[in-house]
Amino acid sequence: MINKFLEIEVLLSPEVYEELKKLSEERIEELIEKIREFKFYNRDFILLDKKFFEIFLYESLEDIIKKYKNFDFIYYYTGVTLETEEKPIKEEETKVEEKEEIKEETKEETIEEVKEEIKEEHIKELERVEKIRESFKGKIEFIAKDIETRISIYEDTDVSNKSTCEGKIDDFIRYFRDRFERLKKFIERRAGRKALPISKLENYKGEEVFTVGMVYDVRDRGDKVIVEIEDEEERVLAVIDKELYKKSGEILLDEVIGFIGKFNRYLYVKDIIRPSINKPYINKTKEELYMAFLSDIHVGSNEFLYKDFEKFIEFLNGNVKNSLEEKIVSRLKYICIAGDLVDGIGVYPGQEEDLYEIDIMKQYEEVAKYIEQIPEHIAIVISPGNHDAVRPAEPQPRLPKEIIKLFNRENIYFVGNPCTLNIHGLDTLLYHGRSFDDLVSQIPTASYENPFTIMKEVIKRRHLSPVYGGRCPITPEEKDYLVIERDIDILHTGHIHINGYGIYRNVALINSGTFQEQTDFQKRMGIKPTPSIVPILRLDRLGESNHYIEWDRGIVEVKI
């Protein structure tokens, strides 16, 4: 609940938090929607105390906008009492108001001037950027140039040109059935046996049984946890000891899970089986090659770190300082970009104030010019994110043709989000990572500060967004493209602007950071991004020493 309010930049006072617990979910959603609409008129950060809680809860949206659209919430929190009674306007007050209006107009002019200066600076910089490849040509020998590009897209993992959803009830039924059936097969494979339908459990009273279901409800009962699961026909209550529950990890609504236990009206669980990827070894390439991972570039944002991004492109073109950097650059063959190339427009209320370029096509033109300067022998894979110009609901199709045409270079692959590709023999899954917001809010051990803790949960459940109906919107296609179909070698994500890396069940989990400086919203939320750090993997040594490297604002360091 708290995260839903944080999403619209609203903090709750302890008193209000307790009051909200007494409201129905429907009433809370109505309140959130009312505040969200109000914030189109007043974008101040709101601390919802008892006074404003009652105002937003009981007054009409029209009245609230009329009274408070110009209200200074920040000033209010410093201790000034809000006065709503109308008073006669004195001449002195009129003069003060006139001065304030002039001051505000001057302020707006200054902001526009600054934004124009930033835009002009970017235009001048782009003229220089267009000559990067020429300026470093011939500086080093690119061994990767003579290595064949080997990329094949698993088309069955990409929704592009395959969307059939019309938003009907039947779409949802097909979607959840597909999710259930495919994950059930993985669970049965791990258990080494076929699962009994829930409706058949009655026939095996007192015996050990194995069944699979989708989680309908989870209730904490002190030393026990009651989990209600369902299949296509029936539901059953599963009773789990707290110790077993803790050992297995948090059970989420809508995840597909297997239970082994004795049945006697209820299923008394002895073992929990998830569809987790469980590879026996780590795959590697035969030859020494490197792959770099990017996401969340956010071209168009006032916080876009264009100088750092330019520096990274210079590095790719051979601007190196030592033999380690030269070895990496000379054998760097692939770059994966997991979404949010641009900051977009209309992603959140008032976003235009945070942009130096409000034309989204010009944002893409700019990022295309940067990417055009990357050496042509480096193959690039690009998938979209929630800031890109595709539908916000997942799965997302690849970028539209009119945008793809802007990228004037060969050896570039545009795919949907998510999508799995085989890159030089390694199955690599790109997913932007919007579902991470839901996982962090529901799994105590998952945190933004350590993306590896989130990504492990995805591998364990073999699903990129196990929770349905959270902050991550999902389109109910007839096939659930968020199921991890293959035993992948690399999972590459982004979205949360914080770098993270680790290996779990022999899968390399890599969350690339960002080229966007900390935003005002992130400051208020206490989120500290790790900008301008590019993770690089040495593909022939995955899992061994010296295989994980970071380019950090021009400094290259072997981390693992």
Protein backbone atom coordinates (compact mmCIF):
# COMPACT_ATOMS: atom_id res chain seq x y z
CA MET A 1 0.00 0.00 0.00
CA ILE A 2 2.77 2.44 0.96
CA ASN A 3 4.48 1.90 -2.40
CA LYS A 4 1.33 2.85 -4.29
CA PHE A 5 1.37 6.23 -2.55
CA LEU A 6 5.12 6.63 -3.06
CA GLU A 7 4.56 6.10 -6.77
CA ILE A 8 2.49 9.31 -6.89
CA GLU A 9 4.93 11.13 -4.55
CA VAL A 10 2.80 10.97 -1.42
CA LEU A 11 4.08 10.14 2.07
CA LEU A 12 1.74 8.96 4.83
CA SER A 13 1.77 10.17 8.43
CA PRO A 14 1.64 7.30 10.97
CA GLU A 15 -1.88 8.38 11.99
CA VAL A 16 -3.12 8.28 8.39
CA TYR A 17 -1.44 4.93 7.78
CA GLU A 18 -3.48 3.43 10.61
CA GLU A 19 -6.66 5.01 9.22
CA LEU A 20 -5.97 3.55 5.77
CA LYS A 21 -5.81 0.05 7.21
CA LYS A 22 -9.49 0.40 8.10
CA LEU A 23 -10.51 1.22 4.52
CA SER A 24 -11.37 -1.29 1.82
CA GLU A 25 -8.96 -1.78 -1.09
CA GLU A 26 -11.51 -0.21 -3.42
CA ARG A 27 -11.73 2.91 -1.23
CA ILE A 28 -7.93 3.18 -1.10
CA GLU A 29 -7.70 2.90 -4.89
CA GLU A 30 -10.30 5.68 -5.26
CA LEU A 31 -8.27 7.88 -2.90
CA ILE A 32 -5.03 7.22 -4.82
CA GLU A 33 -6.71 7.99 -8.14
CA LYS A 34 -8.16 11.24 -6.76
CA ILE A 35 -4.73 12.39 -5.53
CA ARG A 36 -3.11 11.33 -8.81
CA GLU A 37 -5.58 13.48 -10.79
CA PHE A 38 -5.08 16.39 -8.41
CA LYS A 39 -1.31 16.24 -8.94
CA PHE A 40 -1.83 17.17 -12.58
CA TYR A 41 -2.63 20.64 -11.17
CA ASN A 42 -0.23 20.77 -8.20
CA ARG A 43 2.95 18.67 -8.41
CA ASP A 44 4.21 19.36 -4.89
CA PHE A 45 5.33 16.41 -2.81
CA ILE A 46 2.48 15.68 -0.39
CA LEU A 47 2.72 14.49 3.18
CA LEU A 48 -0.77 13.14 3.79
CA ASP A 49 -1.60 14.18 7.35
CA LYS A 50 -5.02 13.77 8.99
CA LYS A 51 -6.29 17.12 7.70
CA PHE A 52 -5.53 16.48 4.02
CA PHE A 53 -6.43 12.81 4.33
CA GLU A 54 -9.99 13.82 5.22
CA ILE A 55 -10.03 16.49 2.52
CA PHE A 56 -9.02 14.05 -0.24
CA LEU A 57 -11.26 11.33 1.14
CA TYR A 58 -14.50 13.28 1.52
CA GLU A 59 -14.37 16.40 -0.67
CA SER A 60 -15.01 16.34 -4.41
CA LEU A 61 -12.03 16.49 -6.75
CA GLU A 62 -13.43 19.66 -8.34
CA ASP A 63 -13.55 21.44 -4.95
CA ILE A 64 -10.06 20.23 -4.00
CA ILE A 65 -8.58 21.52 -7.27
CA LYS A 66 -10.37 24.84 -6.87
CA LYS A 67 -9.05 25.33 -3.31
CA TYR A 68 -5.58 23.83 -3.45
CA LYS A 69 -4.25 23.80 -7.02
CA ASN A 70 -1.90 26.71 -6.16
CA PHE A 71 -1.39 25.67 -2.55
CA ASP A 72 2.23 25.46 -1.33
CA PHE A 73 2.35 22.11 0.48
CA ILE A 74 6.05 22.44 1.31
CA TYR A 75 5.39 25.80 2.99
CA TYR A 76 2.51 24.23 4.86
CA TYR A 77 4.73 21.50 6.31
CA THR A 78 7.08 24.08 7.81
CA GLY A 79 4.38 25.05 10.32
CA VAL A 80 2.25 27.69 8.59
CA THR A 81 -1.47 27.15 9.31
CA LEU A 82 -3.68 26.80 6.27
CA GLU A 83 -6.38 29.48 6.10
CA THR A 84 -9.27 28.84 3.77
CA GLU A 85 -11.64 31.60 4.87
CA GLU A 86 -12.04 34.44 2.42
CA LYS A 87 -10.80 37.85 3.66
CA PRO A 88 -11.15 41.35 2.21
CA ILE A 89 -8.27 42.08 -0.12
CA LYS A 90 -6.20 44.99 1.11
CA GLU A 91 -4.24 47.30 -1.17
CA GLU A 92 -0.94 46.12 0.36
CA GLU A 93 -1.88 42.50 -0.31
CA THR A 94 -2.68 43.34 -3.92
CA LYS A 95 0.76 44.89 -4.36
CA VAL A 96 2.41 41.84 -2.83
CA GLU A 97 0.43 39.58 -5.17
CA GLU A 98 1.48 41.68 -8.16
CA LYS A 99 5.13 41.42 -7.09
CA GLU A 100 4.78 37.66 -6.68
CA GLU A 101 3.25 37.35 -10.15
CA ILE A 102 6.13 39.33 -11.68
CA LYS A 103 8.60 37.20 -9.70
CA GLU A 104 6.93 33.99 -10.93
CA GLU A 105 6.94 35.19 -14.54
CA THR A 106 10.65 36.08 -14.24
CA LYS A 107 11.32 32.67 -12.72
CA GLU A 108 9.53 30.92 -15.61
CA GLU A 109 11.52 32.97 -18.14
CA THR A 110 14.77 32.04 -16.38
CA ILE A 111 13.87 28.33 -16.42
CA GLU A 112 13.07 28.52 -20.14
CA GLU A 113 16.37 30.31 -20.80
CA VAL A 114 18.31 27.63 -18.89
CA LYS A 115 16.50 24.84 -20.76
CA GLU A 116 17.30 26.54 -24.07
CA GLU A 117 20.97 26.83 -23.09
CA ILE A 118 21.08 23.11 -22.20
CA LYS A 119 19.47 22.24 -25.52
CA GLU A 120 21.94 24.37 -27.48
CA GLU A 121 24.84 22.79 -25.57
CA HIS A 122 23.60 19.32 -26.54
CA ILE A 123 23.27 20.32 -30.21
CA LYS A 124 26.88 21.61 -30.23
CA GLU A 125 28.08 18.47 -28.48
CA LEU A 126 26.33 16.25 -31.04
CA GLU A 127 28.25 17.95 -33.84
CA ARG A 128 31.44 16.86 -32.08
CA VAL A 129 30.08 13.38 -31.29
CA GLU A 130 29.46 12.70 -35.00
CA LYS A 131 33.25 12.74 -35.53
CA ILE A 132 34.23 10.34 -32.71
CA ARG A 133 34.84 7.33 -34.95
CA GLU A 134 37.06 9.30 -37.29
CA SER A 135 39.11 10.85 -34.47
CA PHE A 136 40.11 7.47 -32.99
CA LYS A 137 40.31 5.48 -36.23
CA GLY A 138 43.28 3.13 -36.39
CA LYS A 139 44.37 3.72 -32.79
CA ILE A 140 44.08 0.02 -31.87
CA GLU A 141 43.57 -3.24 -33.71
CA PHE A 142 39.99 -4.52 -33.31
CA ILE A 143 40.34 -8.31 -33.14
CA ALA A 144 36.54 -8.60 -32.77
CA LYS A 145 36.20 -7.18 -36.30
CA ASP A 146 37.35 -10.53 -37.73
CA ILE A 147 35.04 -12.58 -35.48
CA GLU A 148 31.69 -13.48 -37.01
CA THR A 149 28.58 -12.01 -35.34
CA ARG A 150 26.43 -14.86 -34.07
CA ILE A 151 22.99 -13.65 -32.94
CA SER A 152 19.69 -15.44 -33.37
CA ILE A 153 16.40 -14.27 -31.87
CA TYR A 154 14.04 -16.80 -30.31
CA GLU A 155 10.95 -15.39 -32.01
CA ASP A 156 8.60 -17.29 -29.68
CA THR A 157 9.85 -15.11 -26.79
CA ASP A 158 9.08 -11.77 -28.50
CA VAL A 159 5.52 -10.38 -28.66
CA SER A 160 6.34 -8.05 -31.59
CA ASN A 161 3.69 -8.39 -34.33
CA LYS A 162 1.95 -11.16 -32.36
CA SER A 163 -0.28 -9.28 -29.91
CA THR A 164 -3.84 -10.64 -29.93
CA CYS A 165 -5.21 -9.16 -26.69
CA GLU A 166 -8.55 -7.31 -26.89
CA GLY A 167 -9.06 -6.92 -23.14
CA LYS A 168 -11.87 -9.46 -22.98
CA ILE A 169 -12.50 -11.94 -20.14
CA ASP A 170 -11.43 -14.78 -22.43
CA ASP A 171 -8.03 -13.11 -22.86
CA PHE A 172 -7.42 -13.23 -19.11
CA ILE A 173 -8.55 -16.87 -18.88
CA ARG A 174 -6.23 -17.94 -21.71
CA TYR A 175 -3.35 -15.93 -20.28
CA PHE A 176 -3.50 -17.46 -16.80
CA ARG A 177 -4.05 -20.97 -18.18
CA ASP A 178 -0.97 -20.62 -20.34
CA ARG A 179 1.09 -19.35 -17.39
CA PHE A 180 -0.14 -22.21 -15.21
CA GLU A 181 0.36 -25.01 -17.72
CA ARG A 182 3.87 -24.01 -18.77
CA LEU A 183 5.17 -23.42 -15.25
CA LYS A 184 3.51 -26.63 -14.07
CA LYS A 185 5.63 -28.60 -16.57
CA PHE A 186 8.83 -27.14 -15.11
CA ILE A 187 7.70 -27.99 -11.57
CA GLU A 188 6.86 -31.55 -12.60
CA ARG A 189 10.26 -31.83 -14.25
CA ARG A 190 11.99 -30.78 -11.04
CA ALA A 191 9.83 -33.13 -8.94
CA GLY A 192 10.38 -35.99 -11.36
CA ARG A 193 6.70 -36.94 -11.31
CA LYS A 194 3.28 -35.88 -12.61
CA ALA A 195 1.15 -33.68 -10.38
CA LEU A 196 -2.29 -34.72 -9.21
CA PRO A 197 -5.16 -32.37 -10.07
CA ILE A 198 -6.45 -30.72 -6.89
CA SER A 199 -9.87 -32.30 -7.44
CA LYS A 200 -8.29 -35.79 -7.15
CA LEU A 201 -6.63 -35.21 -3.76
CA GLU A 202 -9.75 -36.48 -1.96
CA ASN A 203 -8.98 -39.95 -3.33
CA TYR A 204 -5.63 -40.05 -1.50
CA LYS A 205 -6.53 -39.18 2.11
CA GLY A 206 -3.69 -39.93 4.50
CA GLU A 207 -1.24 -40.52 1.65
CA GLU A 208 1.64 -38.43 0.37
CA VAL A 209 0.57 -36.43 -2.70
CA PHE A 210 2.10 -33.96 -5.13
CA THR A 211 0.04 -31.17 -6.67
CA VAL A 212 0.61 -27.86 -8.45
CA GLY A 213 -1.47 -24.69 -8.24
CA MET A 214 -1.52 -20.94 -8.71
CA VAL A 215 -1.47 -19.01 -5.44
CA TYR A 216 -4.87 -17.49 -4.68
CA ASP A 217 -4.30 -16.34 -1.07
CA VAL A 218 -1.62 -16.35 1.66
CA ARG A 219 -2.46 -16.01 5.37
CA ASP A 220 -0.06 -15.86 8.30
CA ARG A 221 -1.29 -17.87 11.29
CA GLY A 222 1.55 -17.53 13.79
CA ASP A 223 3.60 -20.75 13.59
CA LYS A 224 1.84 -21.75 10.34
CA VAL A 225 1.21 -20.16 6.96
CA ILE A 226 -2.00 -21.05 5.11
CA VAL A 227 -1.65 -20.90 1.32
CA GLU A 228 -4.68 -21.35 -0.90
CA ILE A 229 -3.84 -22.62 -4.38
CA GLU A 230 -6.02 -23.36 -7.40
CA ASP A 231 -5.84 -25.13 -10.72
CA GLU A 232 -8.35 -25.10 -13.60
CA GLU A 233 -11.03 -26.89 -11.55
CA GLU A 234 -10.54 -26.70 -7.80
CA ARG A 235 -8.88 -25.01 -4.80
CA VAL A 236 -7.18 -26.42 -1.72
CA LEU A 237 -5.75 -24.98 1.51
CA ALA A 238 -2.10 -25.91 2.12
CA VAL A 239 -0.73 -25.72 5.68
CA ILE A 240 3.00 -24.89 5.89
CA ASP A 241 5.22 -24.77 8.99
CA LYS A 242 6.79 -21.35 9.45
CA GLU A 243 10.34 -22.75 9.31
CA LEU A 244 9.72 -24.45 5.96
CA TYR A 245 8.04 -21.31 4.66
CA LYS A 246 11.02 -19.14 5.64
CA LYS A 247 13.47 -21.61 4.12
CA SER A 248 11.57 -21.66 0.82
CA GLY A 249 11.10 -17.88 0.67
CA GLU A 250 8.11 -15.59 0.39
CA ILE A 251 5.14 -17.05 -1.49
CA LEU A 252 3.51 -14.45 -3.75
CA LEU A 253 -0.02 -14.16 -5.08
CA ASP A 254 -0.35 -15.54 -8.63
CA GLU A 255 2.92 -17.47 -8.61
CA VAL A 256 2.72 -21.11 -9.69
CA ILE A 257 4.06 -23.50 -7.07
CA GLY A 258 4.21 -27.21 -6.26
CA PHE A 259 3.53 -28.86 -2.87
CA ILE A 260 4.35 -32.35 -1.60
CA GLY A 261 2.58 -33.42 1.57
CA LYS A 262 -0.13 -35.49 3.22
CA PHE A 263 -3.75 -34.75 2.43
CA ASN A 264 -6.51 -34.92 5.01
CA ARG A 265 -9.07 -32.26 4.16
CA TYR A 266 -6.12 -29.83 4.04
CA LEU A 267 -2.73 -30.42 2.43
CA TYR A 268 -0.05 -30.57 5.13
CA VAL A 269 3.07 -29.54 3.24
CA LYS A 270 6.41 -31.33 3.64
CA ASP A 271 8.20 -29.86 0.64
CA ILE A 272 7.81 -26.85 -1.65
CA ILE A 273 8.86 -27.07 -5.29
CA ARG A 274 9.26 -24.08 -7.56
CA PRO A 275 9.90 -24.08 -11.31
CA SER A 276 13.36 -22.56 -10.76
CA ILE A 277 16.10 -22.75 -13.38
CA ASN A 278 18.56 -25.36 -12.15
CA LYS A 279 21.43 -25.63 -14.62
CA PRO A 280 24.25 -28.09 -13.84
CA TYR A 281 27.03 -25.83 -15.18
CA ILE A 282 27.83 -22.35 -16.51
CA ASN A 283 28.02 -22.01 -20.28
CA LYS A 284 30.89 -20.02 -21.83
CA THR A 285 32.18 -19.08 -25.25
CA LYS A 286 35.18 -20.92 -26.71
CA GLU A 287 37.00 -17.75 -27.70
CA GLU A 288 37.83 -14.67 -25.64
CA LEU A 289 35.02 -12.18 -26.19
CA TYR A 290 33.42 -9.34 -24.21
CA MET A 291 29.84 -8.11 -23.97
CA ALA A 292 28.78 -4.74 -22.50
CA PHE A 293 25.39 -4.05 -20.89
CA LEU A 294 23.52 -0.72 -20.95
CA SER A 295 20.08 0.52 -19.99
CA ASP A 296 18.31 3.69 -18.86
CA ILE A 297 20.28 6.17 -20.96
CA HIS A 298 17.39 8.68 -20.76
CA VAL A 299 18.38 11.00 -23.59
CA GLY A 300 16.16 14.12 -23.40
CA SER A 301 16.30 14.39 -19.61
CA ASN A 302 17.97 17.40 -18.00
CA GLU A 303 19.90 14.84 -15.94
CA PHE A 304 21.22 12.88 -18.95
CA LEU A 305 25.00 12.55 -18.44
CA TYR A 306 25.90 13.11 -22.08
CA LYS A 307 29.59 13.79 -21.44
CA ASP A 308 30.00 10.46 -19.66
CA PHE A 309 28.10 8.67 -22.44
CA GLU A 310 30.33 10.30 -25.03
CA LYS A 311 33.39 9.21 -23.03
CA PHE A 312 32.14 5.60 -23.09
CA ILE A 313 31.69 5.73 -26.87
CA GLU A 314 35.23 7.08 -27.19
CA PHE A 315 36.40 4.10 -25.12
CA LEU A 316 34.63 1.73 -27.54
CA ASN A 317 36.44 3.45 -30.41
CA GLY A 318 39.86 2.84 -28.90
CA ASN A 319 40.49 5.72 -26.48
CA VAL A 320 42.28 3.47 -23.97
CA LYS A 321 44.91 4.10 -21.29
CA ASN A 322 46.52 0.69 -20.73
CA SER A 323 46.88 -2.87 -22.05
CA LEU A 324 43.88 -4.18 -20.05
CA GLU A 325 41.56 -1.61 -21.62
CA GLU A 326 43.01 -2.28 -25.08
CA LYS A 327 42.46 -6.03 -24.69
CA ILE A 328 38.83 -5.51 -23.63
CA VAL A 329 38.01 -3.00 -26.38
CA SER A 330 39.75 -5.00 -29.09
CA ARG A 331 37.64 -8.08 -28.26
CA LEU A 332 34.35 -6.38 -27.31
CA LYS A 333 31.86 -7.87 -29.76
CA TYR A 334 28.36 -7.26 -28.32
CA ILE A 335 26.34 -4.58 -26.52
CA CYS A 336 22.89 -5.20 -25.03
CA ILE A 337 20.61 -2.25 -24.20
CA ALA A 338 17.68 -3.17 -21.93
CA GLY A 339 15.31 -0.24 -22.41
CA ASP A 340 14.78 3.45 -21.70
CA LEU A 341 16.99 4.82 -24.45
CA VAL A 342 15.15 8.13 -24.04
CA ASP A 343 13.30 9.86 -21.23
CA GLY A 344 10.17 10.06 -23.37
CA ILE A 345 7.26 12.43 -22.81
CA GLY A 346 4.06 12.05 -20.81
CA VAL A 347 5.45 9.22 -18.69
CA TYR A 348 4.50 11.11 -15.51
CA PRO A 349 2.67 14.39 -14.77
CA GLY A 350 4.76 17.50 -15.42
CA GLN A 351 7.60 15.57 -17.07
CA GLU A 352 8.11 18.32 -19.63
CA GLU A 353 9.69 20.46 -16.89
CA ASP A 354 12.45 17.83 -16.52
CA LEU A 355 13.32 17.71 -20.23
CA TYR A 356 15.64 19.75 -22.42
CA GLU A 357 13.93 18.17 -25.46
CA ILE A 358 10.16 17.62 -25.43
CA ASP A 359 9.96 16.19 -28.97
CA ILE A 360 10.32 12.43 -28.54
CA MET A 361 11.43 11.89 -32.15
CA LYS A 362 14.26 14.36 -31.61
CA GLN A 363 15.21 12.44 -28.45
CA TYR A 364 15.52 9.28 -30.56
CA GLU A 365 17.41 11.15 -33.28
CA GLU A 366 19.95 12.19 -30.65
CA VAL A 367 20.44 8.72 -29.16
CA ALA A 368 20.70 7.30 -32.70
CA LYS A 369 23.58 9.68 -33.43
CA TYR A 370 25.43 8.47 -30.37
CA ILE A 371 24.90 4.81 -31.26
CA GLU A 372 25.95 5.45 -34.86
CA GLN A 373 29.43 6.29 -33.51
CA ILE A 374 29.88 2.83 -31.98
CA PRO A 375 32.23 0.73 -34.19
CA GLU A 376 30.25 -1.24 -36.76
CA HIS A 377 31.81 -4.59 -35.87
CA ILE A 378 30.09 -4.39 -32.44
CA ALA A 379 26.63 -5.94 -32.68
CA ILE A 380 23.97 -4.08 -30.67
CA VAL A 381 20.70 -5.46 -29.29
CA ILE A 382 18.03 -2.94 -28.26
CA SER A 383 14.82 -3.64 -26.35
CA PRO A 384 12.38 -1.01 -24.98
CA GLY A 385 11.49 0.09 -21.46
CA ASN A 386 8.63 1.97 -19.81
CA HIS A 387 9.98 5.39 -20.98
CA ASP A 388 10.21 4.32 -24.62
CA ALA A 389 7.66 4.97 -27.37
CA VAL A 390 5.77 1.67 -27.14
CA ARG A 391 2.79 0.56 -25.06
CA PRO A 392 3.61 0.73 -21.33
CA ALA A 393 2.07 -2.68 -20.53
CA GLU A 394 4.28 -5.74 -20.72
CA PRO A 395 5.16 -7.61 -22.84
CA GLN A 396 6.24 -4.67 -25.01
CA PRO A 397 6.82 -4.93 -28.77
CA ARG A 398 10.01 -3.64 -30.37
CA LEU A 399 10.33 0.07 -31.17
CA PRO A 400 8.14 1.23 -34.10
CA LYS A 401 9.52 1.34 -37.63
CA GLU A 402 9.66 5.14 -37.84
CA ILE A 403 12.05 5.14 -34.87
CA ILE A 404 14.10 2.13 -36.02
CA LYS A 405 14.73 3.98 -39.32
CA LEU A 406 16.60 6.69 -37.42
CA PHE A 407 19.39 4.26 -36.48
CA ASN A 408 21.64 4.51 -39.52
CA ARG A 409 23.92 1.54 -38.96
CA GLU A 410 24.13 -2.18 -39.61
CA ASN A 411 24.62 -4.96 -37.08
CA ILE A 412 21.79 -3.75 -34.83
CA TYR A 413 18.91 -5.91 -33.58
CA PHE A 414 15.63 -4.47 -32.30
CA VAL A 415 13.58 -6.81 -30.10
CA GLY A 416 10.64 -6.63 -27.70
CA ASN A 417 10.66 -6.55 -23.91
CA PRO A 418 11.25 -9.27 -22.83
CA CYS A 419 13.11 -11.25 -25.46
CA THR A 420 15.61 -14.12 -25.43
CA LEU A 421 18.42 -14.32 -27.97
CA ASN A 422 21.27 -16.72 -28.53
CA ILE A 423 24.38 -14.55 -28.58
CA HIS A 424 27.50 -16.42 -29.57
CA GLY A 425 26.13 -19.63 -28.08
CA LEU A 426 24.82 -18.07 -24.85
CA ASP A 427 21.07 -17.77 -24.29
CA THR A 428 20.62 -14.16 -23.16
CA LEU A 429 17.33 -12.79 -21.84
CA LEU A 430 16.75 -9.02 -21.95
CA TYR A 431 14.06 -7.64 -19.66
CA HIS A 432 13.72 -4.00 -18.65
CA GLY A 433 12.70 -4.83 -15.07
CA ARG A 434 9.59 -2.84 -14.26
CA SER A 435 8.22 -5.71 -12.16
CA PHE A 436 11.08 -5.17 -9.70
CA ASP A 437 8.99 -2.43 -8.03
CA ASP A 438 6.38 -5.07 -7.12
CA LEU A 439 8.94 -7.65 -5.96
CA VAL A 440 10.74 -5.18 -3.68
CA SER A 441 7.45 -4.18 -2.05
CA GLN A 442 6.45 -7.81 -1.31
CA ILE A 443 9.69 -9.71 -0.62
CA PRO A 444 11.54 -8.54 2.55
CA THR A 445 14.92 -9.83 1.34
CA ALA A 446 14.72 -8.01 -2.03
CA SER A 447 16.10 -4.47 -2.18
CA TYR A 448 16.82 -1.79 -4.78
CA GLU A 449 20.30 -1.31 -3.30
CA ASN A 450 21.23 -4.88 -4.29
CA PRO A 451 19.49 -5.80 -7.57
CA PHE A 452 20.88 -9.36 -7.35
CA THR A 453 18.46 -10.00 -4.45
CA ILE A 454 15.54 -9.18 -6.76
CA MET A 455 16.80 -11.08 -9.79
CA LYS A 456 17.26 -14.29 -7.77
CA GLU A 457 13.53 -14.26 -7.01
CA VAL A 458 12.75 -14.05 -10.74
CA ILE A 459 14.95 -17.08 -11.50
CA LYS A 460 13.45 -19.01 -8.57
CA ARG A 461 9.90 -18.48 -9.88
CA ARG A 462 10.92 -18.73 -13.54
CA HIS A 463 8.74 -15.72 -14.22
CA LEU A 464 9.70 -12.09 -14.85
CA SER A 465 6.59 -10.65 -13.20
CA PRO A 466 4.97 -13.26 -10.93
CA VAL A 467 2.61 -10.75 -9.28
CA TYR A 468 -0.34 -9.72 -11.45
CA GLY A 469 -2.11 -6.39 -10.92
CA GLY A 470 0.72 -4.50 -9.20
CA ARG A 471 2.67 -1.47 -10.40
CA CYS A 472 3.84 -3.37 -13.47
CA PRO A 473 0.96 -3.42 -16.00
CA ILE A 474 0.63 -6.71 -17.89
CA THR A 475 -1.36 -7.28 -21.08
CA PRO A 476 -3.11 -10.69 -20.99
CA GLU A 477 -1.85 -12.15 -24.27
CA GLU A 478 -2.91 -15.69 -25.15
CA LYS A 479 0.67 -16.67 -24.31
CA ASP A 480 2.49 -15.46 -21.19
CA TYR A 481 5.72 -14.03 -22.64
CA LEU A 482 7.01 -13.32 -19.11
CA VAL A 483 7.54 -17.03 -18.39
CA ILE A 484 11.27 -17.86 -18.69
CA GLU A 485 10.97 -20.66 -21.22
CA ARG A 486 14.63 -21.59 -21.62
CA ASP A 487 17.45 -22.42 -19.22
CA ILE A 488 19.12 -19.10 -19.94
CA ASP A 489 22.80 -18.29 -19.43
CA ILE A 490 22.47 -14.52 -18.88
CA LEU A 491 19.62 -12.38 -17.54
CA HIS A 492 20.10 -8.68 -18.27
CA THR A 493 17.78 -6.10 -16.65
CA GLY A 494 17.69 -2.37 -15.85
CA HIS A 495 14.97 0.06 -14.71
CA ILE A 496 16.12 0.68 -11.12
CA HIS A 497 19.25 2.68 -12.09
CA ILE A 498 21.52 0.70 -9.75
CA ASN A 499 24.22 -1.73 -10.91
CA GLY A 500 24.21 -5.26 -9.61
CA TYR A 501 25.79 -8.57 -10.53
CA GLY A 502 25.97 -12.17 -9.35
CA ILE A 503 25.58 -15.78 -10.43
CA TYR A 504 22.60 -17.81 -9.22
CA ARG A 505 21.89 -21.40 -10.26
CA ASN A 506 24.60 -20.99 -12.92
CA VAL A 507 22.86 -18.02 -14.53
CA ALA A 508 24.74 -14.69 -14.76
CA LEU A 509 22.41 -11.98 -13.40
CA ILE A 510 23.34 -8.48 -14.46
CA ASN A 511 21.45 -5.24 -13.78
CA SER A 512 22.99 -2.33 -15.68
CA GLY A 513 22.82 1.13 -14.15
CA THR A 514 22.04 4.38 -15.94
CA PHE A 515 23.40 7.45 -17.69
CA GLN A 516 20.97 9.71 -15.81
CA GLU A 517 22.01 11.65 -12.73
CA GLN A 518 19.90 11.42 -9.59
CA THR A 519 16.52 13.08 -10.21
CA ASP A 520 14.57 15.23 -7.73
CA PHE A 521 12.07 12.41 -7.27
CA GLN A 522 14.88 9.94 -6.46
CA LYS A 523 16.33 12.38 -3.94
CA ARG A 524 13.00 12.63 -2.15
CA MET A 525 12.66 8.82 -2.17
CA GLY A 526 16.20 8.30 -0.90
CA ILE A 527 17.14 6.32 -4.04
CA LYS A 528 20.84 6.64 -4.91
CA PRO A 529 21.51 5.58 -8.51
CA THR A 530 24.92 4.41 -9.75
CA PRO A 531 25.23 6.45 -12.95
CA SER A 532 27.80 6.10 -15.73
CA ILE A 533 28.93 2.58 -14.80
CA VAL A 534 28.87 0.01 -17.62
CA PRO A 535 29.18 -3.68 -16.70
CA ILE A 536 31.18 -5.87 -19.09
CA LEU A 537 31.37 -9.68 -19.11
CA ARG A 538 34.25 -11.76 -20.41
CA LEU A 539 32.22 -14.52 -22.03
CA ASP A 540 34.85 -17.26 -22.13
CA ARG A 541 35.46 -17.05 -18.36
CA LEU A 542 31.93 -16.75 -16.93
CA GLY A 543 31.97 -17.88 -13.31
CA GLU A 544 35.78 -17.82 -13.14
CA SER A 545 38.13 -15.13 -11.87
CA ASN A 546 38.49 -11.91 -13.90
CA HIS A 547 35.21 -12.35 -15.77
CA TYR A 548 33.23 -9.32 -14.47
CA ILE A 549 34.52 -5.84 -15.32
CA GLU A 550 33.13 -2.32 -14.88
CA TRP A 551 33.78 0.80 -16.92
CA ASP A 552 33.23 3.56 -14.35
CA ARG A 553 33.30 7.09 -15.85
CA GLY A 554 36.46 6.28 -17.79
CA ILE A 555 38.13 3.96 -15.28
CA VAL A 556 38.15 0.22 -16.07
CA GLU A 557 38.38 -2.21 -13.17
CA VAL A 558 38.15 -6.00 -12.96
CA LYS A 559 35.64 -6.70 -10.16
CA ILE A 560 35.28 -10.50 -10.11
